[in-house]
Amino acid sequence: LGAWGAARATAAGLAIFLGGAIRDITGHLAENGVLGPALTDPTLGYTFVYHAEIGLLFLTLVALGPLVRVAPLAPKPTADDRFGIVEFPT
């Protein structure tokens, strides 16, 4: 299995646990009317977790944005550009 498999299994387990816990807590609060009269649907926990995952995916894209931007191209060397022994450090 290795370290990568262990890290992946741990992350999946934590994700399942946190998703279920957040769903249960939000659903419990909704059913008891703590979140207000408009949010009394027992499926609110699923909706909350779904929207939280979408938000986290969006934040991931924002974090990856600077890593995938296109770098400017270096100018092409011309015939006058020389590279020889003189340019090597001594």
PDB file of N, CA and C in Angstrom:
ATOM      1  N   LEU A   1       0.841  -1.189   0.000  1.00  0.00           N
ATOM      2  CA  LEU A   1       0.000   0.000   0.000  1.00  0.00           C
ATOM      3  C   LEU A   1       0.880   1.244   0.000  1.00  0.00           C
ATOM      4  N   GLY A   2       1.818   1.326   0.883  1.00  0.00           N
ATOM      5  CA  GLY A   2       2.758   2.432   0.868  1.00  0.00           C
ATOM      6  C   GLY A   2       2.226   3.689   1.517  1.00  0.00           C
ATOM      7  N   ALA A   3       3.107   4.683   1.544  1.00  0.00           N
ATOM      8  CA  ALA A   3       2.774   5.956   2.194  1.00  0.00           C
ATOM      9  C   ALA A   3       1.681   6.705   1.429  1.00  0.00           C
ATOM     10  N   TRP A   4       1.746   6.663   0.088  1.00  0.00           N
ATOM     11  CA  TRP A   4       0.734   7.371  -0.695  1.00  0.00           C
ATOM     12  C   TRP A   4      -0.651   6.766  -0.466  1.00  0.00           C
ATOM     13  N   GLY A   5      -0.733   5.458  -0.424  1.00  0.00           N
ATOM     14  CA  GLY A   5      -2.009   4.795  -0.175  1.00  0.00           C
ATOM     15  C   GLY A   5      -2.538   5.084   1.213  1.00  0.00           C
ATOM     16  N   ALA A   6      -1.627   5.127   2.193  1.00  0.00           N
ATOM     17  CA  ALA A   6      -2.055   5.439   3.558  1.00  0.00           C
ATOM     18  C   ALA A   6      -2.565   6.870   3.654  1.00  0.00           C
ATOM     19  N   ALA A   7      -1.871   7.799   3.003  1.00  0.00           N
ATOM     20  CA  ALA A   7      -2.311   9.199   3.023  1.00  0.00           C
ATOM     21  C   ALA A   7      -3.657   9.348   2.321  1.00  0.00           C
ATOM     22  N   ARG A   8      -3.820   8.640   1.220  1.00  0.00           N
ATOM     23  CA  ARG A   8      -5.077   8.723   0.478  1.00  0.00           C
ATOM     24  C   ARG A   8      -6.235   8.117   1.273  1.00  0.00           C
ATOM     25  N   ALA A   9      -5.988   6.982   1.914  1.00  0.00           N
ATOM     26  CA  ALA A   9      -7.030   6.347   2.720  1.00  0.00           C
ATOM     27  C   ALA A   9      -7.397   7.207   3.920  1.00  0.00           C
ATOM     28  N   THR A  10      -6.402   7.833   4.537  1.00  0.00           N
ATOM     29  CA  THR A  10      -6.664   8.717   5.673  1.00  0.00           C
ATOM     30  C   THR A  10      -7.484   9.925   5.243  1.00  0.00           C
ATOM     31  N   ALA A  11      -7.119  10.525   4.106  1.00  0.00           N
ATOM     32  CA  ALA A  11      -7.859  11.685   3.608  1.00  0.00           C
ATOM     33  C   ALA A  11      -9.298  11.312   3.263  1.00  0.00           C
ATOM     34  N   ALA A  12      -9.486  10.154   2.650  1.00  0.00           N
ATOM     35  CA  ALA A  12     -10.848   9.721   2.308  1.00  0.00           C
ATOM     36  C   ALA A  12     -11.664   9.463   3.569  1.00  0.00           C
ATOM     37  N   GLY A  13     -11.060   8.840   4.561  1.00  0.00           N
ATOM     38  CA  GLY A  13     -11.766   8.588   5.816  1.00  0.00           C
ATOM     39  C   GLY A  13     -12.151   9.865   6.529  1.00  0.00           C
ATOM     40  N   LEU A  14     -11.219  10.825   6.567  1.00  0.00           N
ATOM     41  CA  LEU A  14     -11.526  12.115   7.198  1.00  0.00           C
ATOM     42  C   LEU A  14     -12.621  12.854   6.436  1.00  0.00           C
ATOM     43  N   ALA A  15     -12.584  12.785   5.104  1.00  0.00           N
ATOM     44  CA  ALA A  15     -13.602  13.466   4.306  1.00  0.00           C
ATOM     45  C   ALA A  15     -14.982  12.869   4.550  1.00  0.00           C
ATOM     46  N   ILE A  16     -15.053  11.549   4.608  1.00  0.00           N
ATOM     47  CA  ILE A  16     -16.343  10.896   4.864  1.00  0.00           C
ATOM     48  C   ILE A  16     -16.843  11.233   6.262  1.00  0.00           C
ATOM     49  N   PHE A  17     -15.936  11.212   7.234  1.00  0.00           N
ATOM     50  CA  PHE A  17     -16.337  11.535   8.606  1.00  0.00           C
ATOM     51  C   PHE A  17     -16.813  12.977   8.725  1.00  0.00           C
ATOM     52  N   LEU A  18     -16.026  13.920   8.189  1.00  0.00           N
ATOM     53  CA  LEU A  18     -16.405  15.335   8.305  1.00  0.00           C
ATOM     54  C   LEU A  18     -17.690  15.636   7.532  1.00  0.00           C
ATOM     55  N   GLY A  19     -17.833  15.064   6.337  1.00  0.00           N
ATOM     56  CA  GLY A  19     -19.061  15.282   5.568  1.00  0.00           C
ATOM     57  C   GLY A  19     -20.282  14.769   6.305  1.00  0.00           C
ATOM     58  N   GLY A  20     -20.166  13.583   6.889  1.00  0.00           N
ATOM     59  CA  GLY A  20     -21.288  13.025   7.650  1.00  0.00           C
ATOM     60  C   GLY A  20     -21.586  13.807   8.908  1.00  0.00           C
ATOM     61  N   ALA A  21     -20.532  14.226   9.615  1.00  0.00           N
ATOM     62  CA  ALA A  21     -20.734  14.986  10.853  1.00  0.00           C
ATOM     63  C   ALA A  21     -21.376  16.339  10.564  1.00  0.00           C
ATOM     64  N   ILE A  22     -20.891  17.027   9.539  1.00  0.00           N
ATOM     65  CA  ILE A  22     -21.468  18.332   9.188  1.00  0.00           C
ATOM     66  C   ILE A  22     -22.910  18.157   8.726  1.00  0.00           C
ATOM     67  N   ARG A  23     -23.179  17.112   7.941  1.00  0.00           N
ATOM     68  CA  ARG A  23     -24.551  16.836   7.492  1.00  0.00           C
ATOM     69  C   ARG A  23     -25.475  16.581   8.674  1.00  0.00           C
ATOM     70  N   ASP A  24     -25.020  15.749   9.625  1.00  0.00           N
ATOM     71  CA  ASP A  24     -25.856  15.421  10.775  1.00  0.00           C
ATOM     72  C   ASP A  24     -26.098  16.632  11.665  1.00  0.00           C
ATOM     73  N   ILE A  25     -25.058  17.416  11.925  1.00  0.00           N
ATOM     74  CA  ILE A  25     -25.200  18.596  12.790  1.00  0.00           C
ATOM     75  C   ILE A  25     -26.127  19.616  12.142  1.00  0.00           C
ATOM     76  N   THR A  26     -25.916  19.888  10.848  1.00  0.00           N
ATOM     77  CA  THR A  26     -26.765  20.866  10.162  1.00  0.00           C
ATOM     78  C   THR A  26     -28.208  20.371  10.075  1.00  0.00           C
ATOM     79  N   GLY A  27     -28.393  19.094   9.785  1.00  0.00           N
ATOM     80  CA  GLY A  27     -29.750  18.535   9.741  1.00  0.00           C
ATOM     81  C   GLY A  27     -30.437  18.598  11.092  1.00  0.00           C
ATOM     82  N   HIS A  28     -29.697  18.324  12.150  1.00  0.00           N
ATOM     83  CA  HIS A  28     -30.262  18.395  13.505  1.00  0.00           C
ATOM     84  C   HIS A  28     -30.671  19.829  13.845  1.00  0.00           C
ATOM     85  N   LEU A  29     -29.808  20.788  13.521  1.00  0.00           N
ATOM     86  CA  LEU A  29     -30.145  22.191  13.786  1.00  0.00           C
ATOM     87  C   LEU A  29     -31.363  22.625  12.971  1.00  0.00           C
ATOM     88  N   ALA A  30     -31.457  22.157  11.732  1.00  0.00           N
ATOM     89  CA  ALA A  30     -32.596  22.528  10.885  1.00  0.00           C
ATOM     90  C   ALA A  30     -33.893  21.930  11.413  1.00  0.00           C
ATOM     91  N   GLU A  31     -33.864  20.673  11.809  1.00  0.00           N
ATOM     92  CA  GLU A  31     -35.083  20.030  12.305  1.00  0.00           C
ATOM     93  C   GLU A  31     -35.571  20.642  13.607  1.00  0.00           C
ATOM     94  N   ASN A  32     -34.665  21.162  14.425  1.00  0.00           N
ATOM     95  CA  ASN A  32     -35.055  21.787  15.690  1.00  0.00           C
ATOM     96  C   ASN A  32     -35.415  23.257  15.532  1.00  0.00           C
ATOM     97  N   GLY A  33     -35.305  23.803  14.336  1.00  0.00           N
ATOM     98  CA  GLY A  33     -35.693  25.187  14.095  1.00  0.00           C
ATOM     99  C   GLY A  33     -34.678  26.213  14.549  1.00  0.00           C
ATOM    100  N   VAL A  34     -33.467  25.800  14.847  1.00  0.00           N
ATOM    101  CA  VAL A  34     -32.436  26.734  15.314  1.00  0.00           C
ATOM    102  C   VAL A  34     -32.017  27.688  14.199  1.00  0.00           C
ATOM    103  N   LEU A  35     -32.088  27.248  12.957  1.00  0.00           N
ATOM    104  CA  LEU A  35     -31.639  28.063  11.827  1.00  0.00           C
ATOM    105  C   LEU A  35     -32.732  28.971  11.276  1.00  0.00           C
ATOM    106  N   GLY A  36     -33.879  28.976  11.890  1.00  0.00           N
ATOM    107  CA  GLY A  36     -34.973  29.835  11.458  1.00  0.00           C
ATOM    108  C   GLY A  36     -36.080  29.037  10.799  1.00  0.00           C
ATOM    109  N   PRO A  37     -37.241  29.666  10.640  1.00  0.00           N
ATOM    110  CA  PRO A  37     -38.392  28.940  10.090  1.00  0.00           C
ATOM    111  C   PRO A  37     -38.227  28.570   8.611  1.00  0.00           C
ATOM    112  N   ALA A  38     -37.419  29.294   7.871  1.00  0.00           N
ATOM    113  CA  ALA A  38     -37.260  28.992   6.447  1.00  0.00           C
ATOM    114  C   ALA A  38     -36.350  27.795   6.215  1.00  0.00           C
ATOM    115  N   LEU A  39     -35.524  27.481   7.187  1.00  0.00           N
ATOM    116  CA  LEU A  39     -34.556  26.395   7.028  1.00  0.00           C
ATOM    117  C   LEU A  39     -34.894  25.226   7.949  1.00  0.00           C
ATOM    118  N   THR A  40     -36.070  24.668   7.773  1.00  0.00           N
ATOM    119  CA  THR A  40     -36.481  23.539   8.614  1.00  0.00           C
ATOM    120  C   THR A  40     -36.506  22.220   7.847  1.00  0.00           C
ATOM    121  N   ASP A  41     -36.067  22.229   6.613  1.00  0.00           N
ATOM    122  CA  ASP A  41     -36.057  21.011   5.798  1.00  0.00           C
ATOM    123  C   ASP A  41     -34.985  20.049   6.317  1.00  0.00           C
ATOM    124  N   PRO A  42     -35.315  18.790   6.534  1.00  0.00           N
ATOM    125  CA  PRO A  42     -34.312  17.846   7.052  1.00  0.00           C
ATOM    126  C   PRO A  42     -33.189  17.538   6.064  1.00  0.00           C
ATOM    127  N   THR A  43     -33.388  17.857   4.783  1.00  0.00           N
ATOM    128  CA  THR A  43     -32.323  17.626   3.804  1.00  0.00           C
ATOM    129  C   THR A  43     -31.347  18.792   3.710  1.00  0.00           C
ATOM    130  N   LEU A  44     -31.488  19.760   4.587  1.00  0.00           N
ATOM    131  CA  LEU A  44     -30.603  20.926   4.569  1.00  0.00           C
ATOM    132  C   LEU A  44     -29.150  20.523   4.811  1.00  0.00           C
ATOM    133  N   GLY A  45     -28.919  19.486   5.585  1.00  0.00           N
ATOM    134  CA  GLY A  45     -27.552  19.032   5.842  1.00  0.00           C
ATOM    135  C   GLY A  45     -26.847  18.624   4.563  1.00  0.00           C
ATOM    136  N   TYR A  46     -27.538  17.889   3.698  1.00  0.00           N
ATOM    137  CA  TYR A  46     -26.963  17.486   2.418  1.00  0.00           C
ATOM    138  C   TYR A  46     -26.659  18.707   1.551  1.00  0.00           C
ATOM    139  N   THR A  47     -27.594  19.655   1.538  1.00  0.00           N
ATOM    140  CA  THR A  47     -27.408  20.863   0.744  1.00  0.00           C
ATOM    141  C   THR A  47     -26.218  21.663   1.239  1.00  0.00           C
ATOM    142  N   PHE A  48     -26.070  21.765   2.544  1.00  0.00           N
ATOM    143  CA  PHE A  48     -24.959  22.522   3.112  1.00  0.00           C
ATOM    144  C   PHE A  48     -23.623  21.883   2.740  1.00  0.00           C
ATOM    145  N   VAL A  49     -23.516  20.571   2.875  1.00  0.00           N
ATOM    146  CA  VAL A  49     -22.268  19.873   2.540  1.00  0.00           C
ATOM    147  C   VAL A  49     -21.977  20.002   1.051  1.00  0.00           C
ATOM    148  N   TYR A  50     -22.992  19.898   0.223  1.00  0.00           N
ATOM    149  CA  TYR A  50     -22.822  20.024  -1.223  1.00  0.00           C
ATOM    150  C   TYR A  50     -22.263  21.398  -1.579  1.00  0.00           C
ATOM    151  N   HIS A  51     -22.842  22.450  -1.024  1.00  0.00           N
ATOM    152  CA  HIS A  51     -22.372  23.798  -1.325  1.00  0.00           C
ATOM    153  C   HIS A  51     -20.994  24.064  -0.722  1.00  0.00           C
ATOM    154  N   ALA A  52     -20.704  23.481   0.416  1.00  0.00           N
ATOM    155  CA  ALA A  52     -19.365  23.628   0.997  1.00  0.00           C
ATOM    156  C   ALA A  52     -18.319  22.973   0.096  1.00  0.00           C
ATOM    157  N   GLU A  53     -18.636  21.821  -0.478  1.00  0.00           N
ATOM    158  CA  GLU A  53     -17.701  21.158  -1.387  1.00  0.00           C
ATOM    159  C   GLU A  53     -17.489  21.970  -2.654  1.00  0.00           C
ATOM    160  N   ILE A  54     -18.537  22.577  -3.171  1.00  0.00           N
ATOM    161  CA  ILE A  54     -18.393  23.435  -4.349  1.00  0.00           C
ATOM    162  C   ILE A  54     -17.496  24.624  -4.015  1.00  0.00           C
ATOM    163  N   GLY A  55     -17.686  25.214  -2.839  1.00  0.00           N
ATOM    164  CA  GLY A  55     -16.835  26.324  -2.424  1.00  0.00           C
ATOM    165  C   GLY A  55     -15.377  25.917  -2.288  1.00  0.00           C
ATOM    166  N   LEU A  56     -15.127  24.741  -1.733  1.00  0.00           N
ATOM    167  CA  LEU A  56     -13.748  24.268  -1.602  1.00  0.00           C
ATOM    168  C   LEU A  56     -13.121  23.982  -2.964  1.00  0.00           C
ATOM    169  N   LEU A  57     -13.904  23.448  -3.892  1.00  0.00           N
ATOM    170  CA  LEU A  57     -13.385  23.241  -5.246  1.00  0.00           C
ATOM    171  C   LEU A  57     -13.037  24.564  -5.913  1.00  0.00           C
ATOM    172  N   PHE A  58     -13.864  25.576  -5.713  1.00  0.00           N
ATOM    173  CA  PHE A  58     -13.577  26.893  -6.271  1.00  0.00           C
ATOM    174  C   PHE A  58     -12.302  27.476  -5.669  1.00  0.00           C
ATOM    175  N   LEU A  59     -12.133  27.331  -4.357  1.00  0.00           N
ATOM    176  CA  LEU A  59     -10.906  27.815  -3.721  1.00  0.00           C
ATOM    177  C   LEU A  59      -9.676  27.068  -4.236  1.00  0.00           C
ATOM    178  N   THR A  60      -9.830  25.797  -4.543  1.00  0.00           N
ATOM    179  CA  THR A  60      -8.726  25.034  -5.125  1.00  0.00           C
ATOM    180  C   THR A  60      -8.347  25.586  -6.492  1.00  0.00           C
ATOM    181  N   LEU A  61      -9.335  25.919  -7.301  1.00  0.00           N
ATOM    182  CA  LEU A  61      -9.047  26.512  -8.606  1.00  0.00           C
ATOM    183  C   LEU A  61      -8.367  27.865  -8.468  1.00  0.00           C
ATOM    184  N   VAL A  62      -8.771  28.648  -7.489  1.00  0.00           N
ATOM    185  CA  VAL A  62      -8.134  29.947  -7.253  1.00  0.00           C
ATOM    186  C   VAL A  62      -6.678  29.752  -6.844  1.00  0.00           C
ATOM    187  N   ALA A  63      -6.415  28.751  -6.002  1.00  0.00           N
ATOM    188  CA  ALA A  63      -5.043  28.494  -5.565  1.00  0.00           C
ATOM    189  C   ALA A  63      -4.181  27.956  -6.705  1.00  0.00           C
ATOM    190  N   LEU A  64      -4.773  27.195  -7.620  1.00  0.00           N
ATOM    191  CA  LEU A  64      -4.013  26.640  -8.742  1.00  0.00           C
ATOM    192  C   LEU A  64      -3.790  27.648  -9.863  1.00  0.00           C
ATOM    193  N   GLY A  65      -4.566  28.698  -9.903  1.00  0.00           N
ATOM    194  CA  GLY A  65      -4.463  29.681 -10.970  1.00  0.00           C
ATOM    195  C   GLY A  65      -3.064  30.216 -11.203  1.00  0.00           C
ATOM    196  N   PRO A  66      -2.375  30.707 -10.178  1.00  0.00           N
ATOM    197  CA  PRO A  66      -1.022  31.226 -10.408  1.00  0.00           C
ATOM    198  C   PRO A  66      -0.023  30.156 -10.843  1.00  0.00           C
ATOM    199  N   LEU A  67      -0.297  28.914 -10.547  1.00  0.00           N
ATOM    200  CA  LEU A  67       0.646  27.849 -10.901  1.00  0.00           C
ATOM    201  C   LEU A  67       0.562  27.445 -12.368  1.00  0.00           C
ATOM    202  N   VAL A  68      -0.527  27.744 -13.035  1.00  0.00           N
ATOM    203  CA  VAL A  68      -0.706  27.306 -14.416  1.00  0.00           C
ATOM    204  C   VAL A  68      -0.709  28.456 -15.414  1.00  0.00           C
ATOM    205  N   ARG A  69      -0.354  29.641 -15.008  1.00  0.00           N
ATOM    206  CA  ARG A  69      -0.363  30.748 -15.962  1.00  0.00           C
ATOM    207  C   ARG A  69       0.776  30.563 -16.969  1.00  0.00           C
ATOM    208  N   VAL A  70       0.608  31.151 -18.109  1.00  0.00           N
ATOM    209  CA  VAL A  70       1.563  30.995 -19.195  1.00  0.00           C
ATOM    210  C   VAL A  70       2.719  31.962 -18.977  1.00  0.00           C
ATOM    211  N   ALA A  71       3.922  31.432 -19.001  1.00  0.00           N
ATOM    212  CA  ALA A  71       5.116  32.265 -18.839  1.00  0.00           C
ATOM    213  C   ALA A  71       5.478  32.873 -20.193  1.00  0.00           C
ATOM    214  N   PRO A  72       6.016  34.090 -20.185  1.00  0.00           N
ATOM    215  CA  PRO A  72       6.423  34.690 -21.460  1.00  0.00           C
ATOM    216  C   PRO A  72       7.573  33.891 -22.079  1.00  0.00           C
ATOM    217  N   LEU A  73       7.568  33.835 -23.388  1.00  0.00           N
ATOM    218  CA  LEU A  73       8.605  33.098 -24.091  1.00  0.00           C
ATOM    219  C   LEU A  73       9.908  33.879 -24.093  1.00  0.00           C
ATOM    220  N   ALA A  74      11.005  33.175 -24.008  1.00  0.00           N
ATOM    221  CA  ALA A  74      12.322  33.810 -24.085  1.00  0.00           C
ATOM    222  C   ALA A  74      12.588  34.178 -25.542  1.00  0.00           C
ATOM    223  N   PRO A  75      13.303  35.270 -25.766  1.00  0.00           N
ATOM    224  CA  PRO A  75      13.592  35.645 -27.155  1.00  0.00           C
ATOM    225  C   PRO A  75      14.461  34.580 -27.826  1.00  0.00           C
ATOM    226  N   LYS A  76      14.236  34.401 -29.112  1.00  0.00           N
ATOM    227  CA  LYS A  76      14.996  33.406 -29.854  1.00  0.00           C
ATOM    228  C   LYS A  76      16.418  33.920 -30.094  1.00  0.00           C
ATOM    229  N   PRO A  77      17.398  33.049 -29.962  1.00  0.00           N
ATOM    230  CA  PRO A  77      18.777  33.491 -30.207  1.00  0.00           C
ATOM    231  C   PRO A  77      18.988  33.796 -31.690  1.00  0.00           C
ATOM    232  N   THR A  78      19.799  34.799 -31.930  1.00  0.00           N
ATOM    233  CA  THR A  78      20.127  35.170 -33.306  1.00  0.00           C
ATOM    234  C   THR A  78      21.526  34.669 -33.633  1.00  0.00           C
ATOM    235  N   ALA A  79      21.912  34.888 -34.855  1.00  0.00           N
ATOM    236  CA  ALA A  79      23.240  34.440 -35.291  1.00  0.00           C
ATOM    237  C   ALA A  79      24.338  35.223 -34.577  1.00  0.00           C
ATOM    238  N   ASP A  80      24.044  36.456 -34.147  1.00  0.00           N
ATOM    239  CA  ASP A  80      25.058  37.267 -33.472  1.00  0.00           C
ATOM    240  C   ASP A  80      25.272  36.838 -32.027  1.00  0.00           C
ATOM    241  N   ASP A  81      24.313  36.139 -31.449  1.00  0.00           N
ATOM    242  CA  ASP A  81      24.467  35.661 -30.074  1.00  0.00           C
ATOM    243  C   ASP A  81      25.433  34.489 -30.073  1.00  0.00           C
ATOM    244  N   ARG A  82      26.483  34.623 -29.282  1.00  0.00           N
ATOM    245  CA  ARG A  82      27.480  33.565 -29.229  1.00  0.00           C
ATOM    246  C   ARG A  82      27.487  32.953 -27.846  1.00  0.00           C
ATOM    247  N   PHE A  83      27.801  31.713 -27.821  1.00  0.00           N
ATOM    248  CA  PHE A  83      27.976  31.025 -26.559  1.00  0.00           C
ATOM    249  C   PHE A  83      29.213  30.167 -26.716  1.00  0.00           C
ATOM    250  N   GLY A  84      30.218  30.529 -25.971  1.00  0.00           N
ATOM    251  CA  GLY A  84      31.474  29.797 -26.098  1.00  0.00           C
ATOM    252  C   GLY A  84      32.190  29.742 -24.772  1.00  0.00           C
ATOM    253  N   ILE A  85      33.451  29.447 -24.857  1.00  0.00           N
ATOM    254  CA  ILE A  85      34.278  29.314 -23.660  1.00  0.00           C
ATOM    255  C   ILE A  85      34.357  30.631 -22.894  1.00  0.00           C
ATOM    256  N   VAL A  86      34.267  31.743 -23.575  1.00  0.00           N
ATOM    257  CA  VAL A  86      34.398  33.047 -22.919  1.00  0.00           C
ATOM    258  C   VAL A  86      33.278  33.264 -21.913  1.00  0.00           C
ATOM    259  N   GLU A  87      32.083  32.764 -22.195  1.00  0.00           N
ATOM    260  CA  GLU A  87      30.946  32.989 -21.317  1.00  0.00           C
ATOM    261  C   GLU A  87      30.934  32.073 -20.099  1.00  0.00           C
ATOM    262  N   PHE A  88      31.737  31.028 -20.071  1.00  0.00           N
ATOM    263  CA  PHE A  88      31.762  30.136 -18.920  1.00  0.00           C
ATOM    264  C   PHE A  88      32.456  30.804 -17.745  1.00  0.00           C
ATOM    265  N   PRO A  89      31.950  30.624 -16.525  1.00  0.00           N
ATOM    266  CA  PRO A  89      32.635  31.194 -15.356  1.00  0.00           C
ATOM    267  C   PRO A  89      33.957  30.467 -15.110  1.00  0.00           C
ATOM    268  N   THR A  90      34.871  31.212 -14.544  1.00  0.00           N
ATOM    269  CA  THR A  90      36.190  30.611 -14.269  1.00  0.00           C
ATOM    270  C   THR A  90      36.334  30.253 -12.825  1.00  0.00           C
TER     271      THR A  90
END
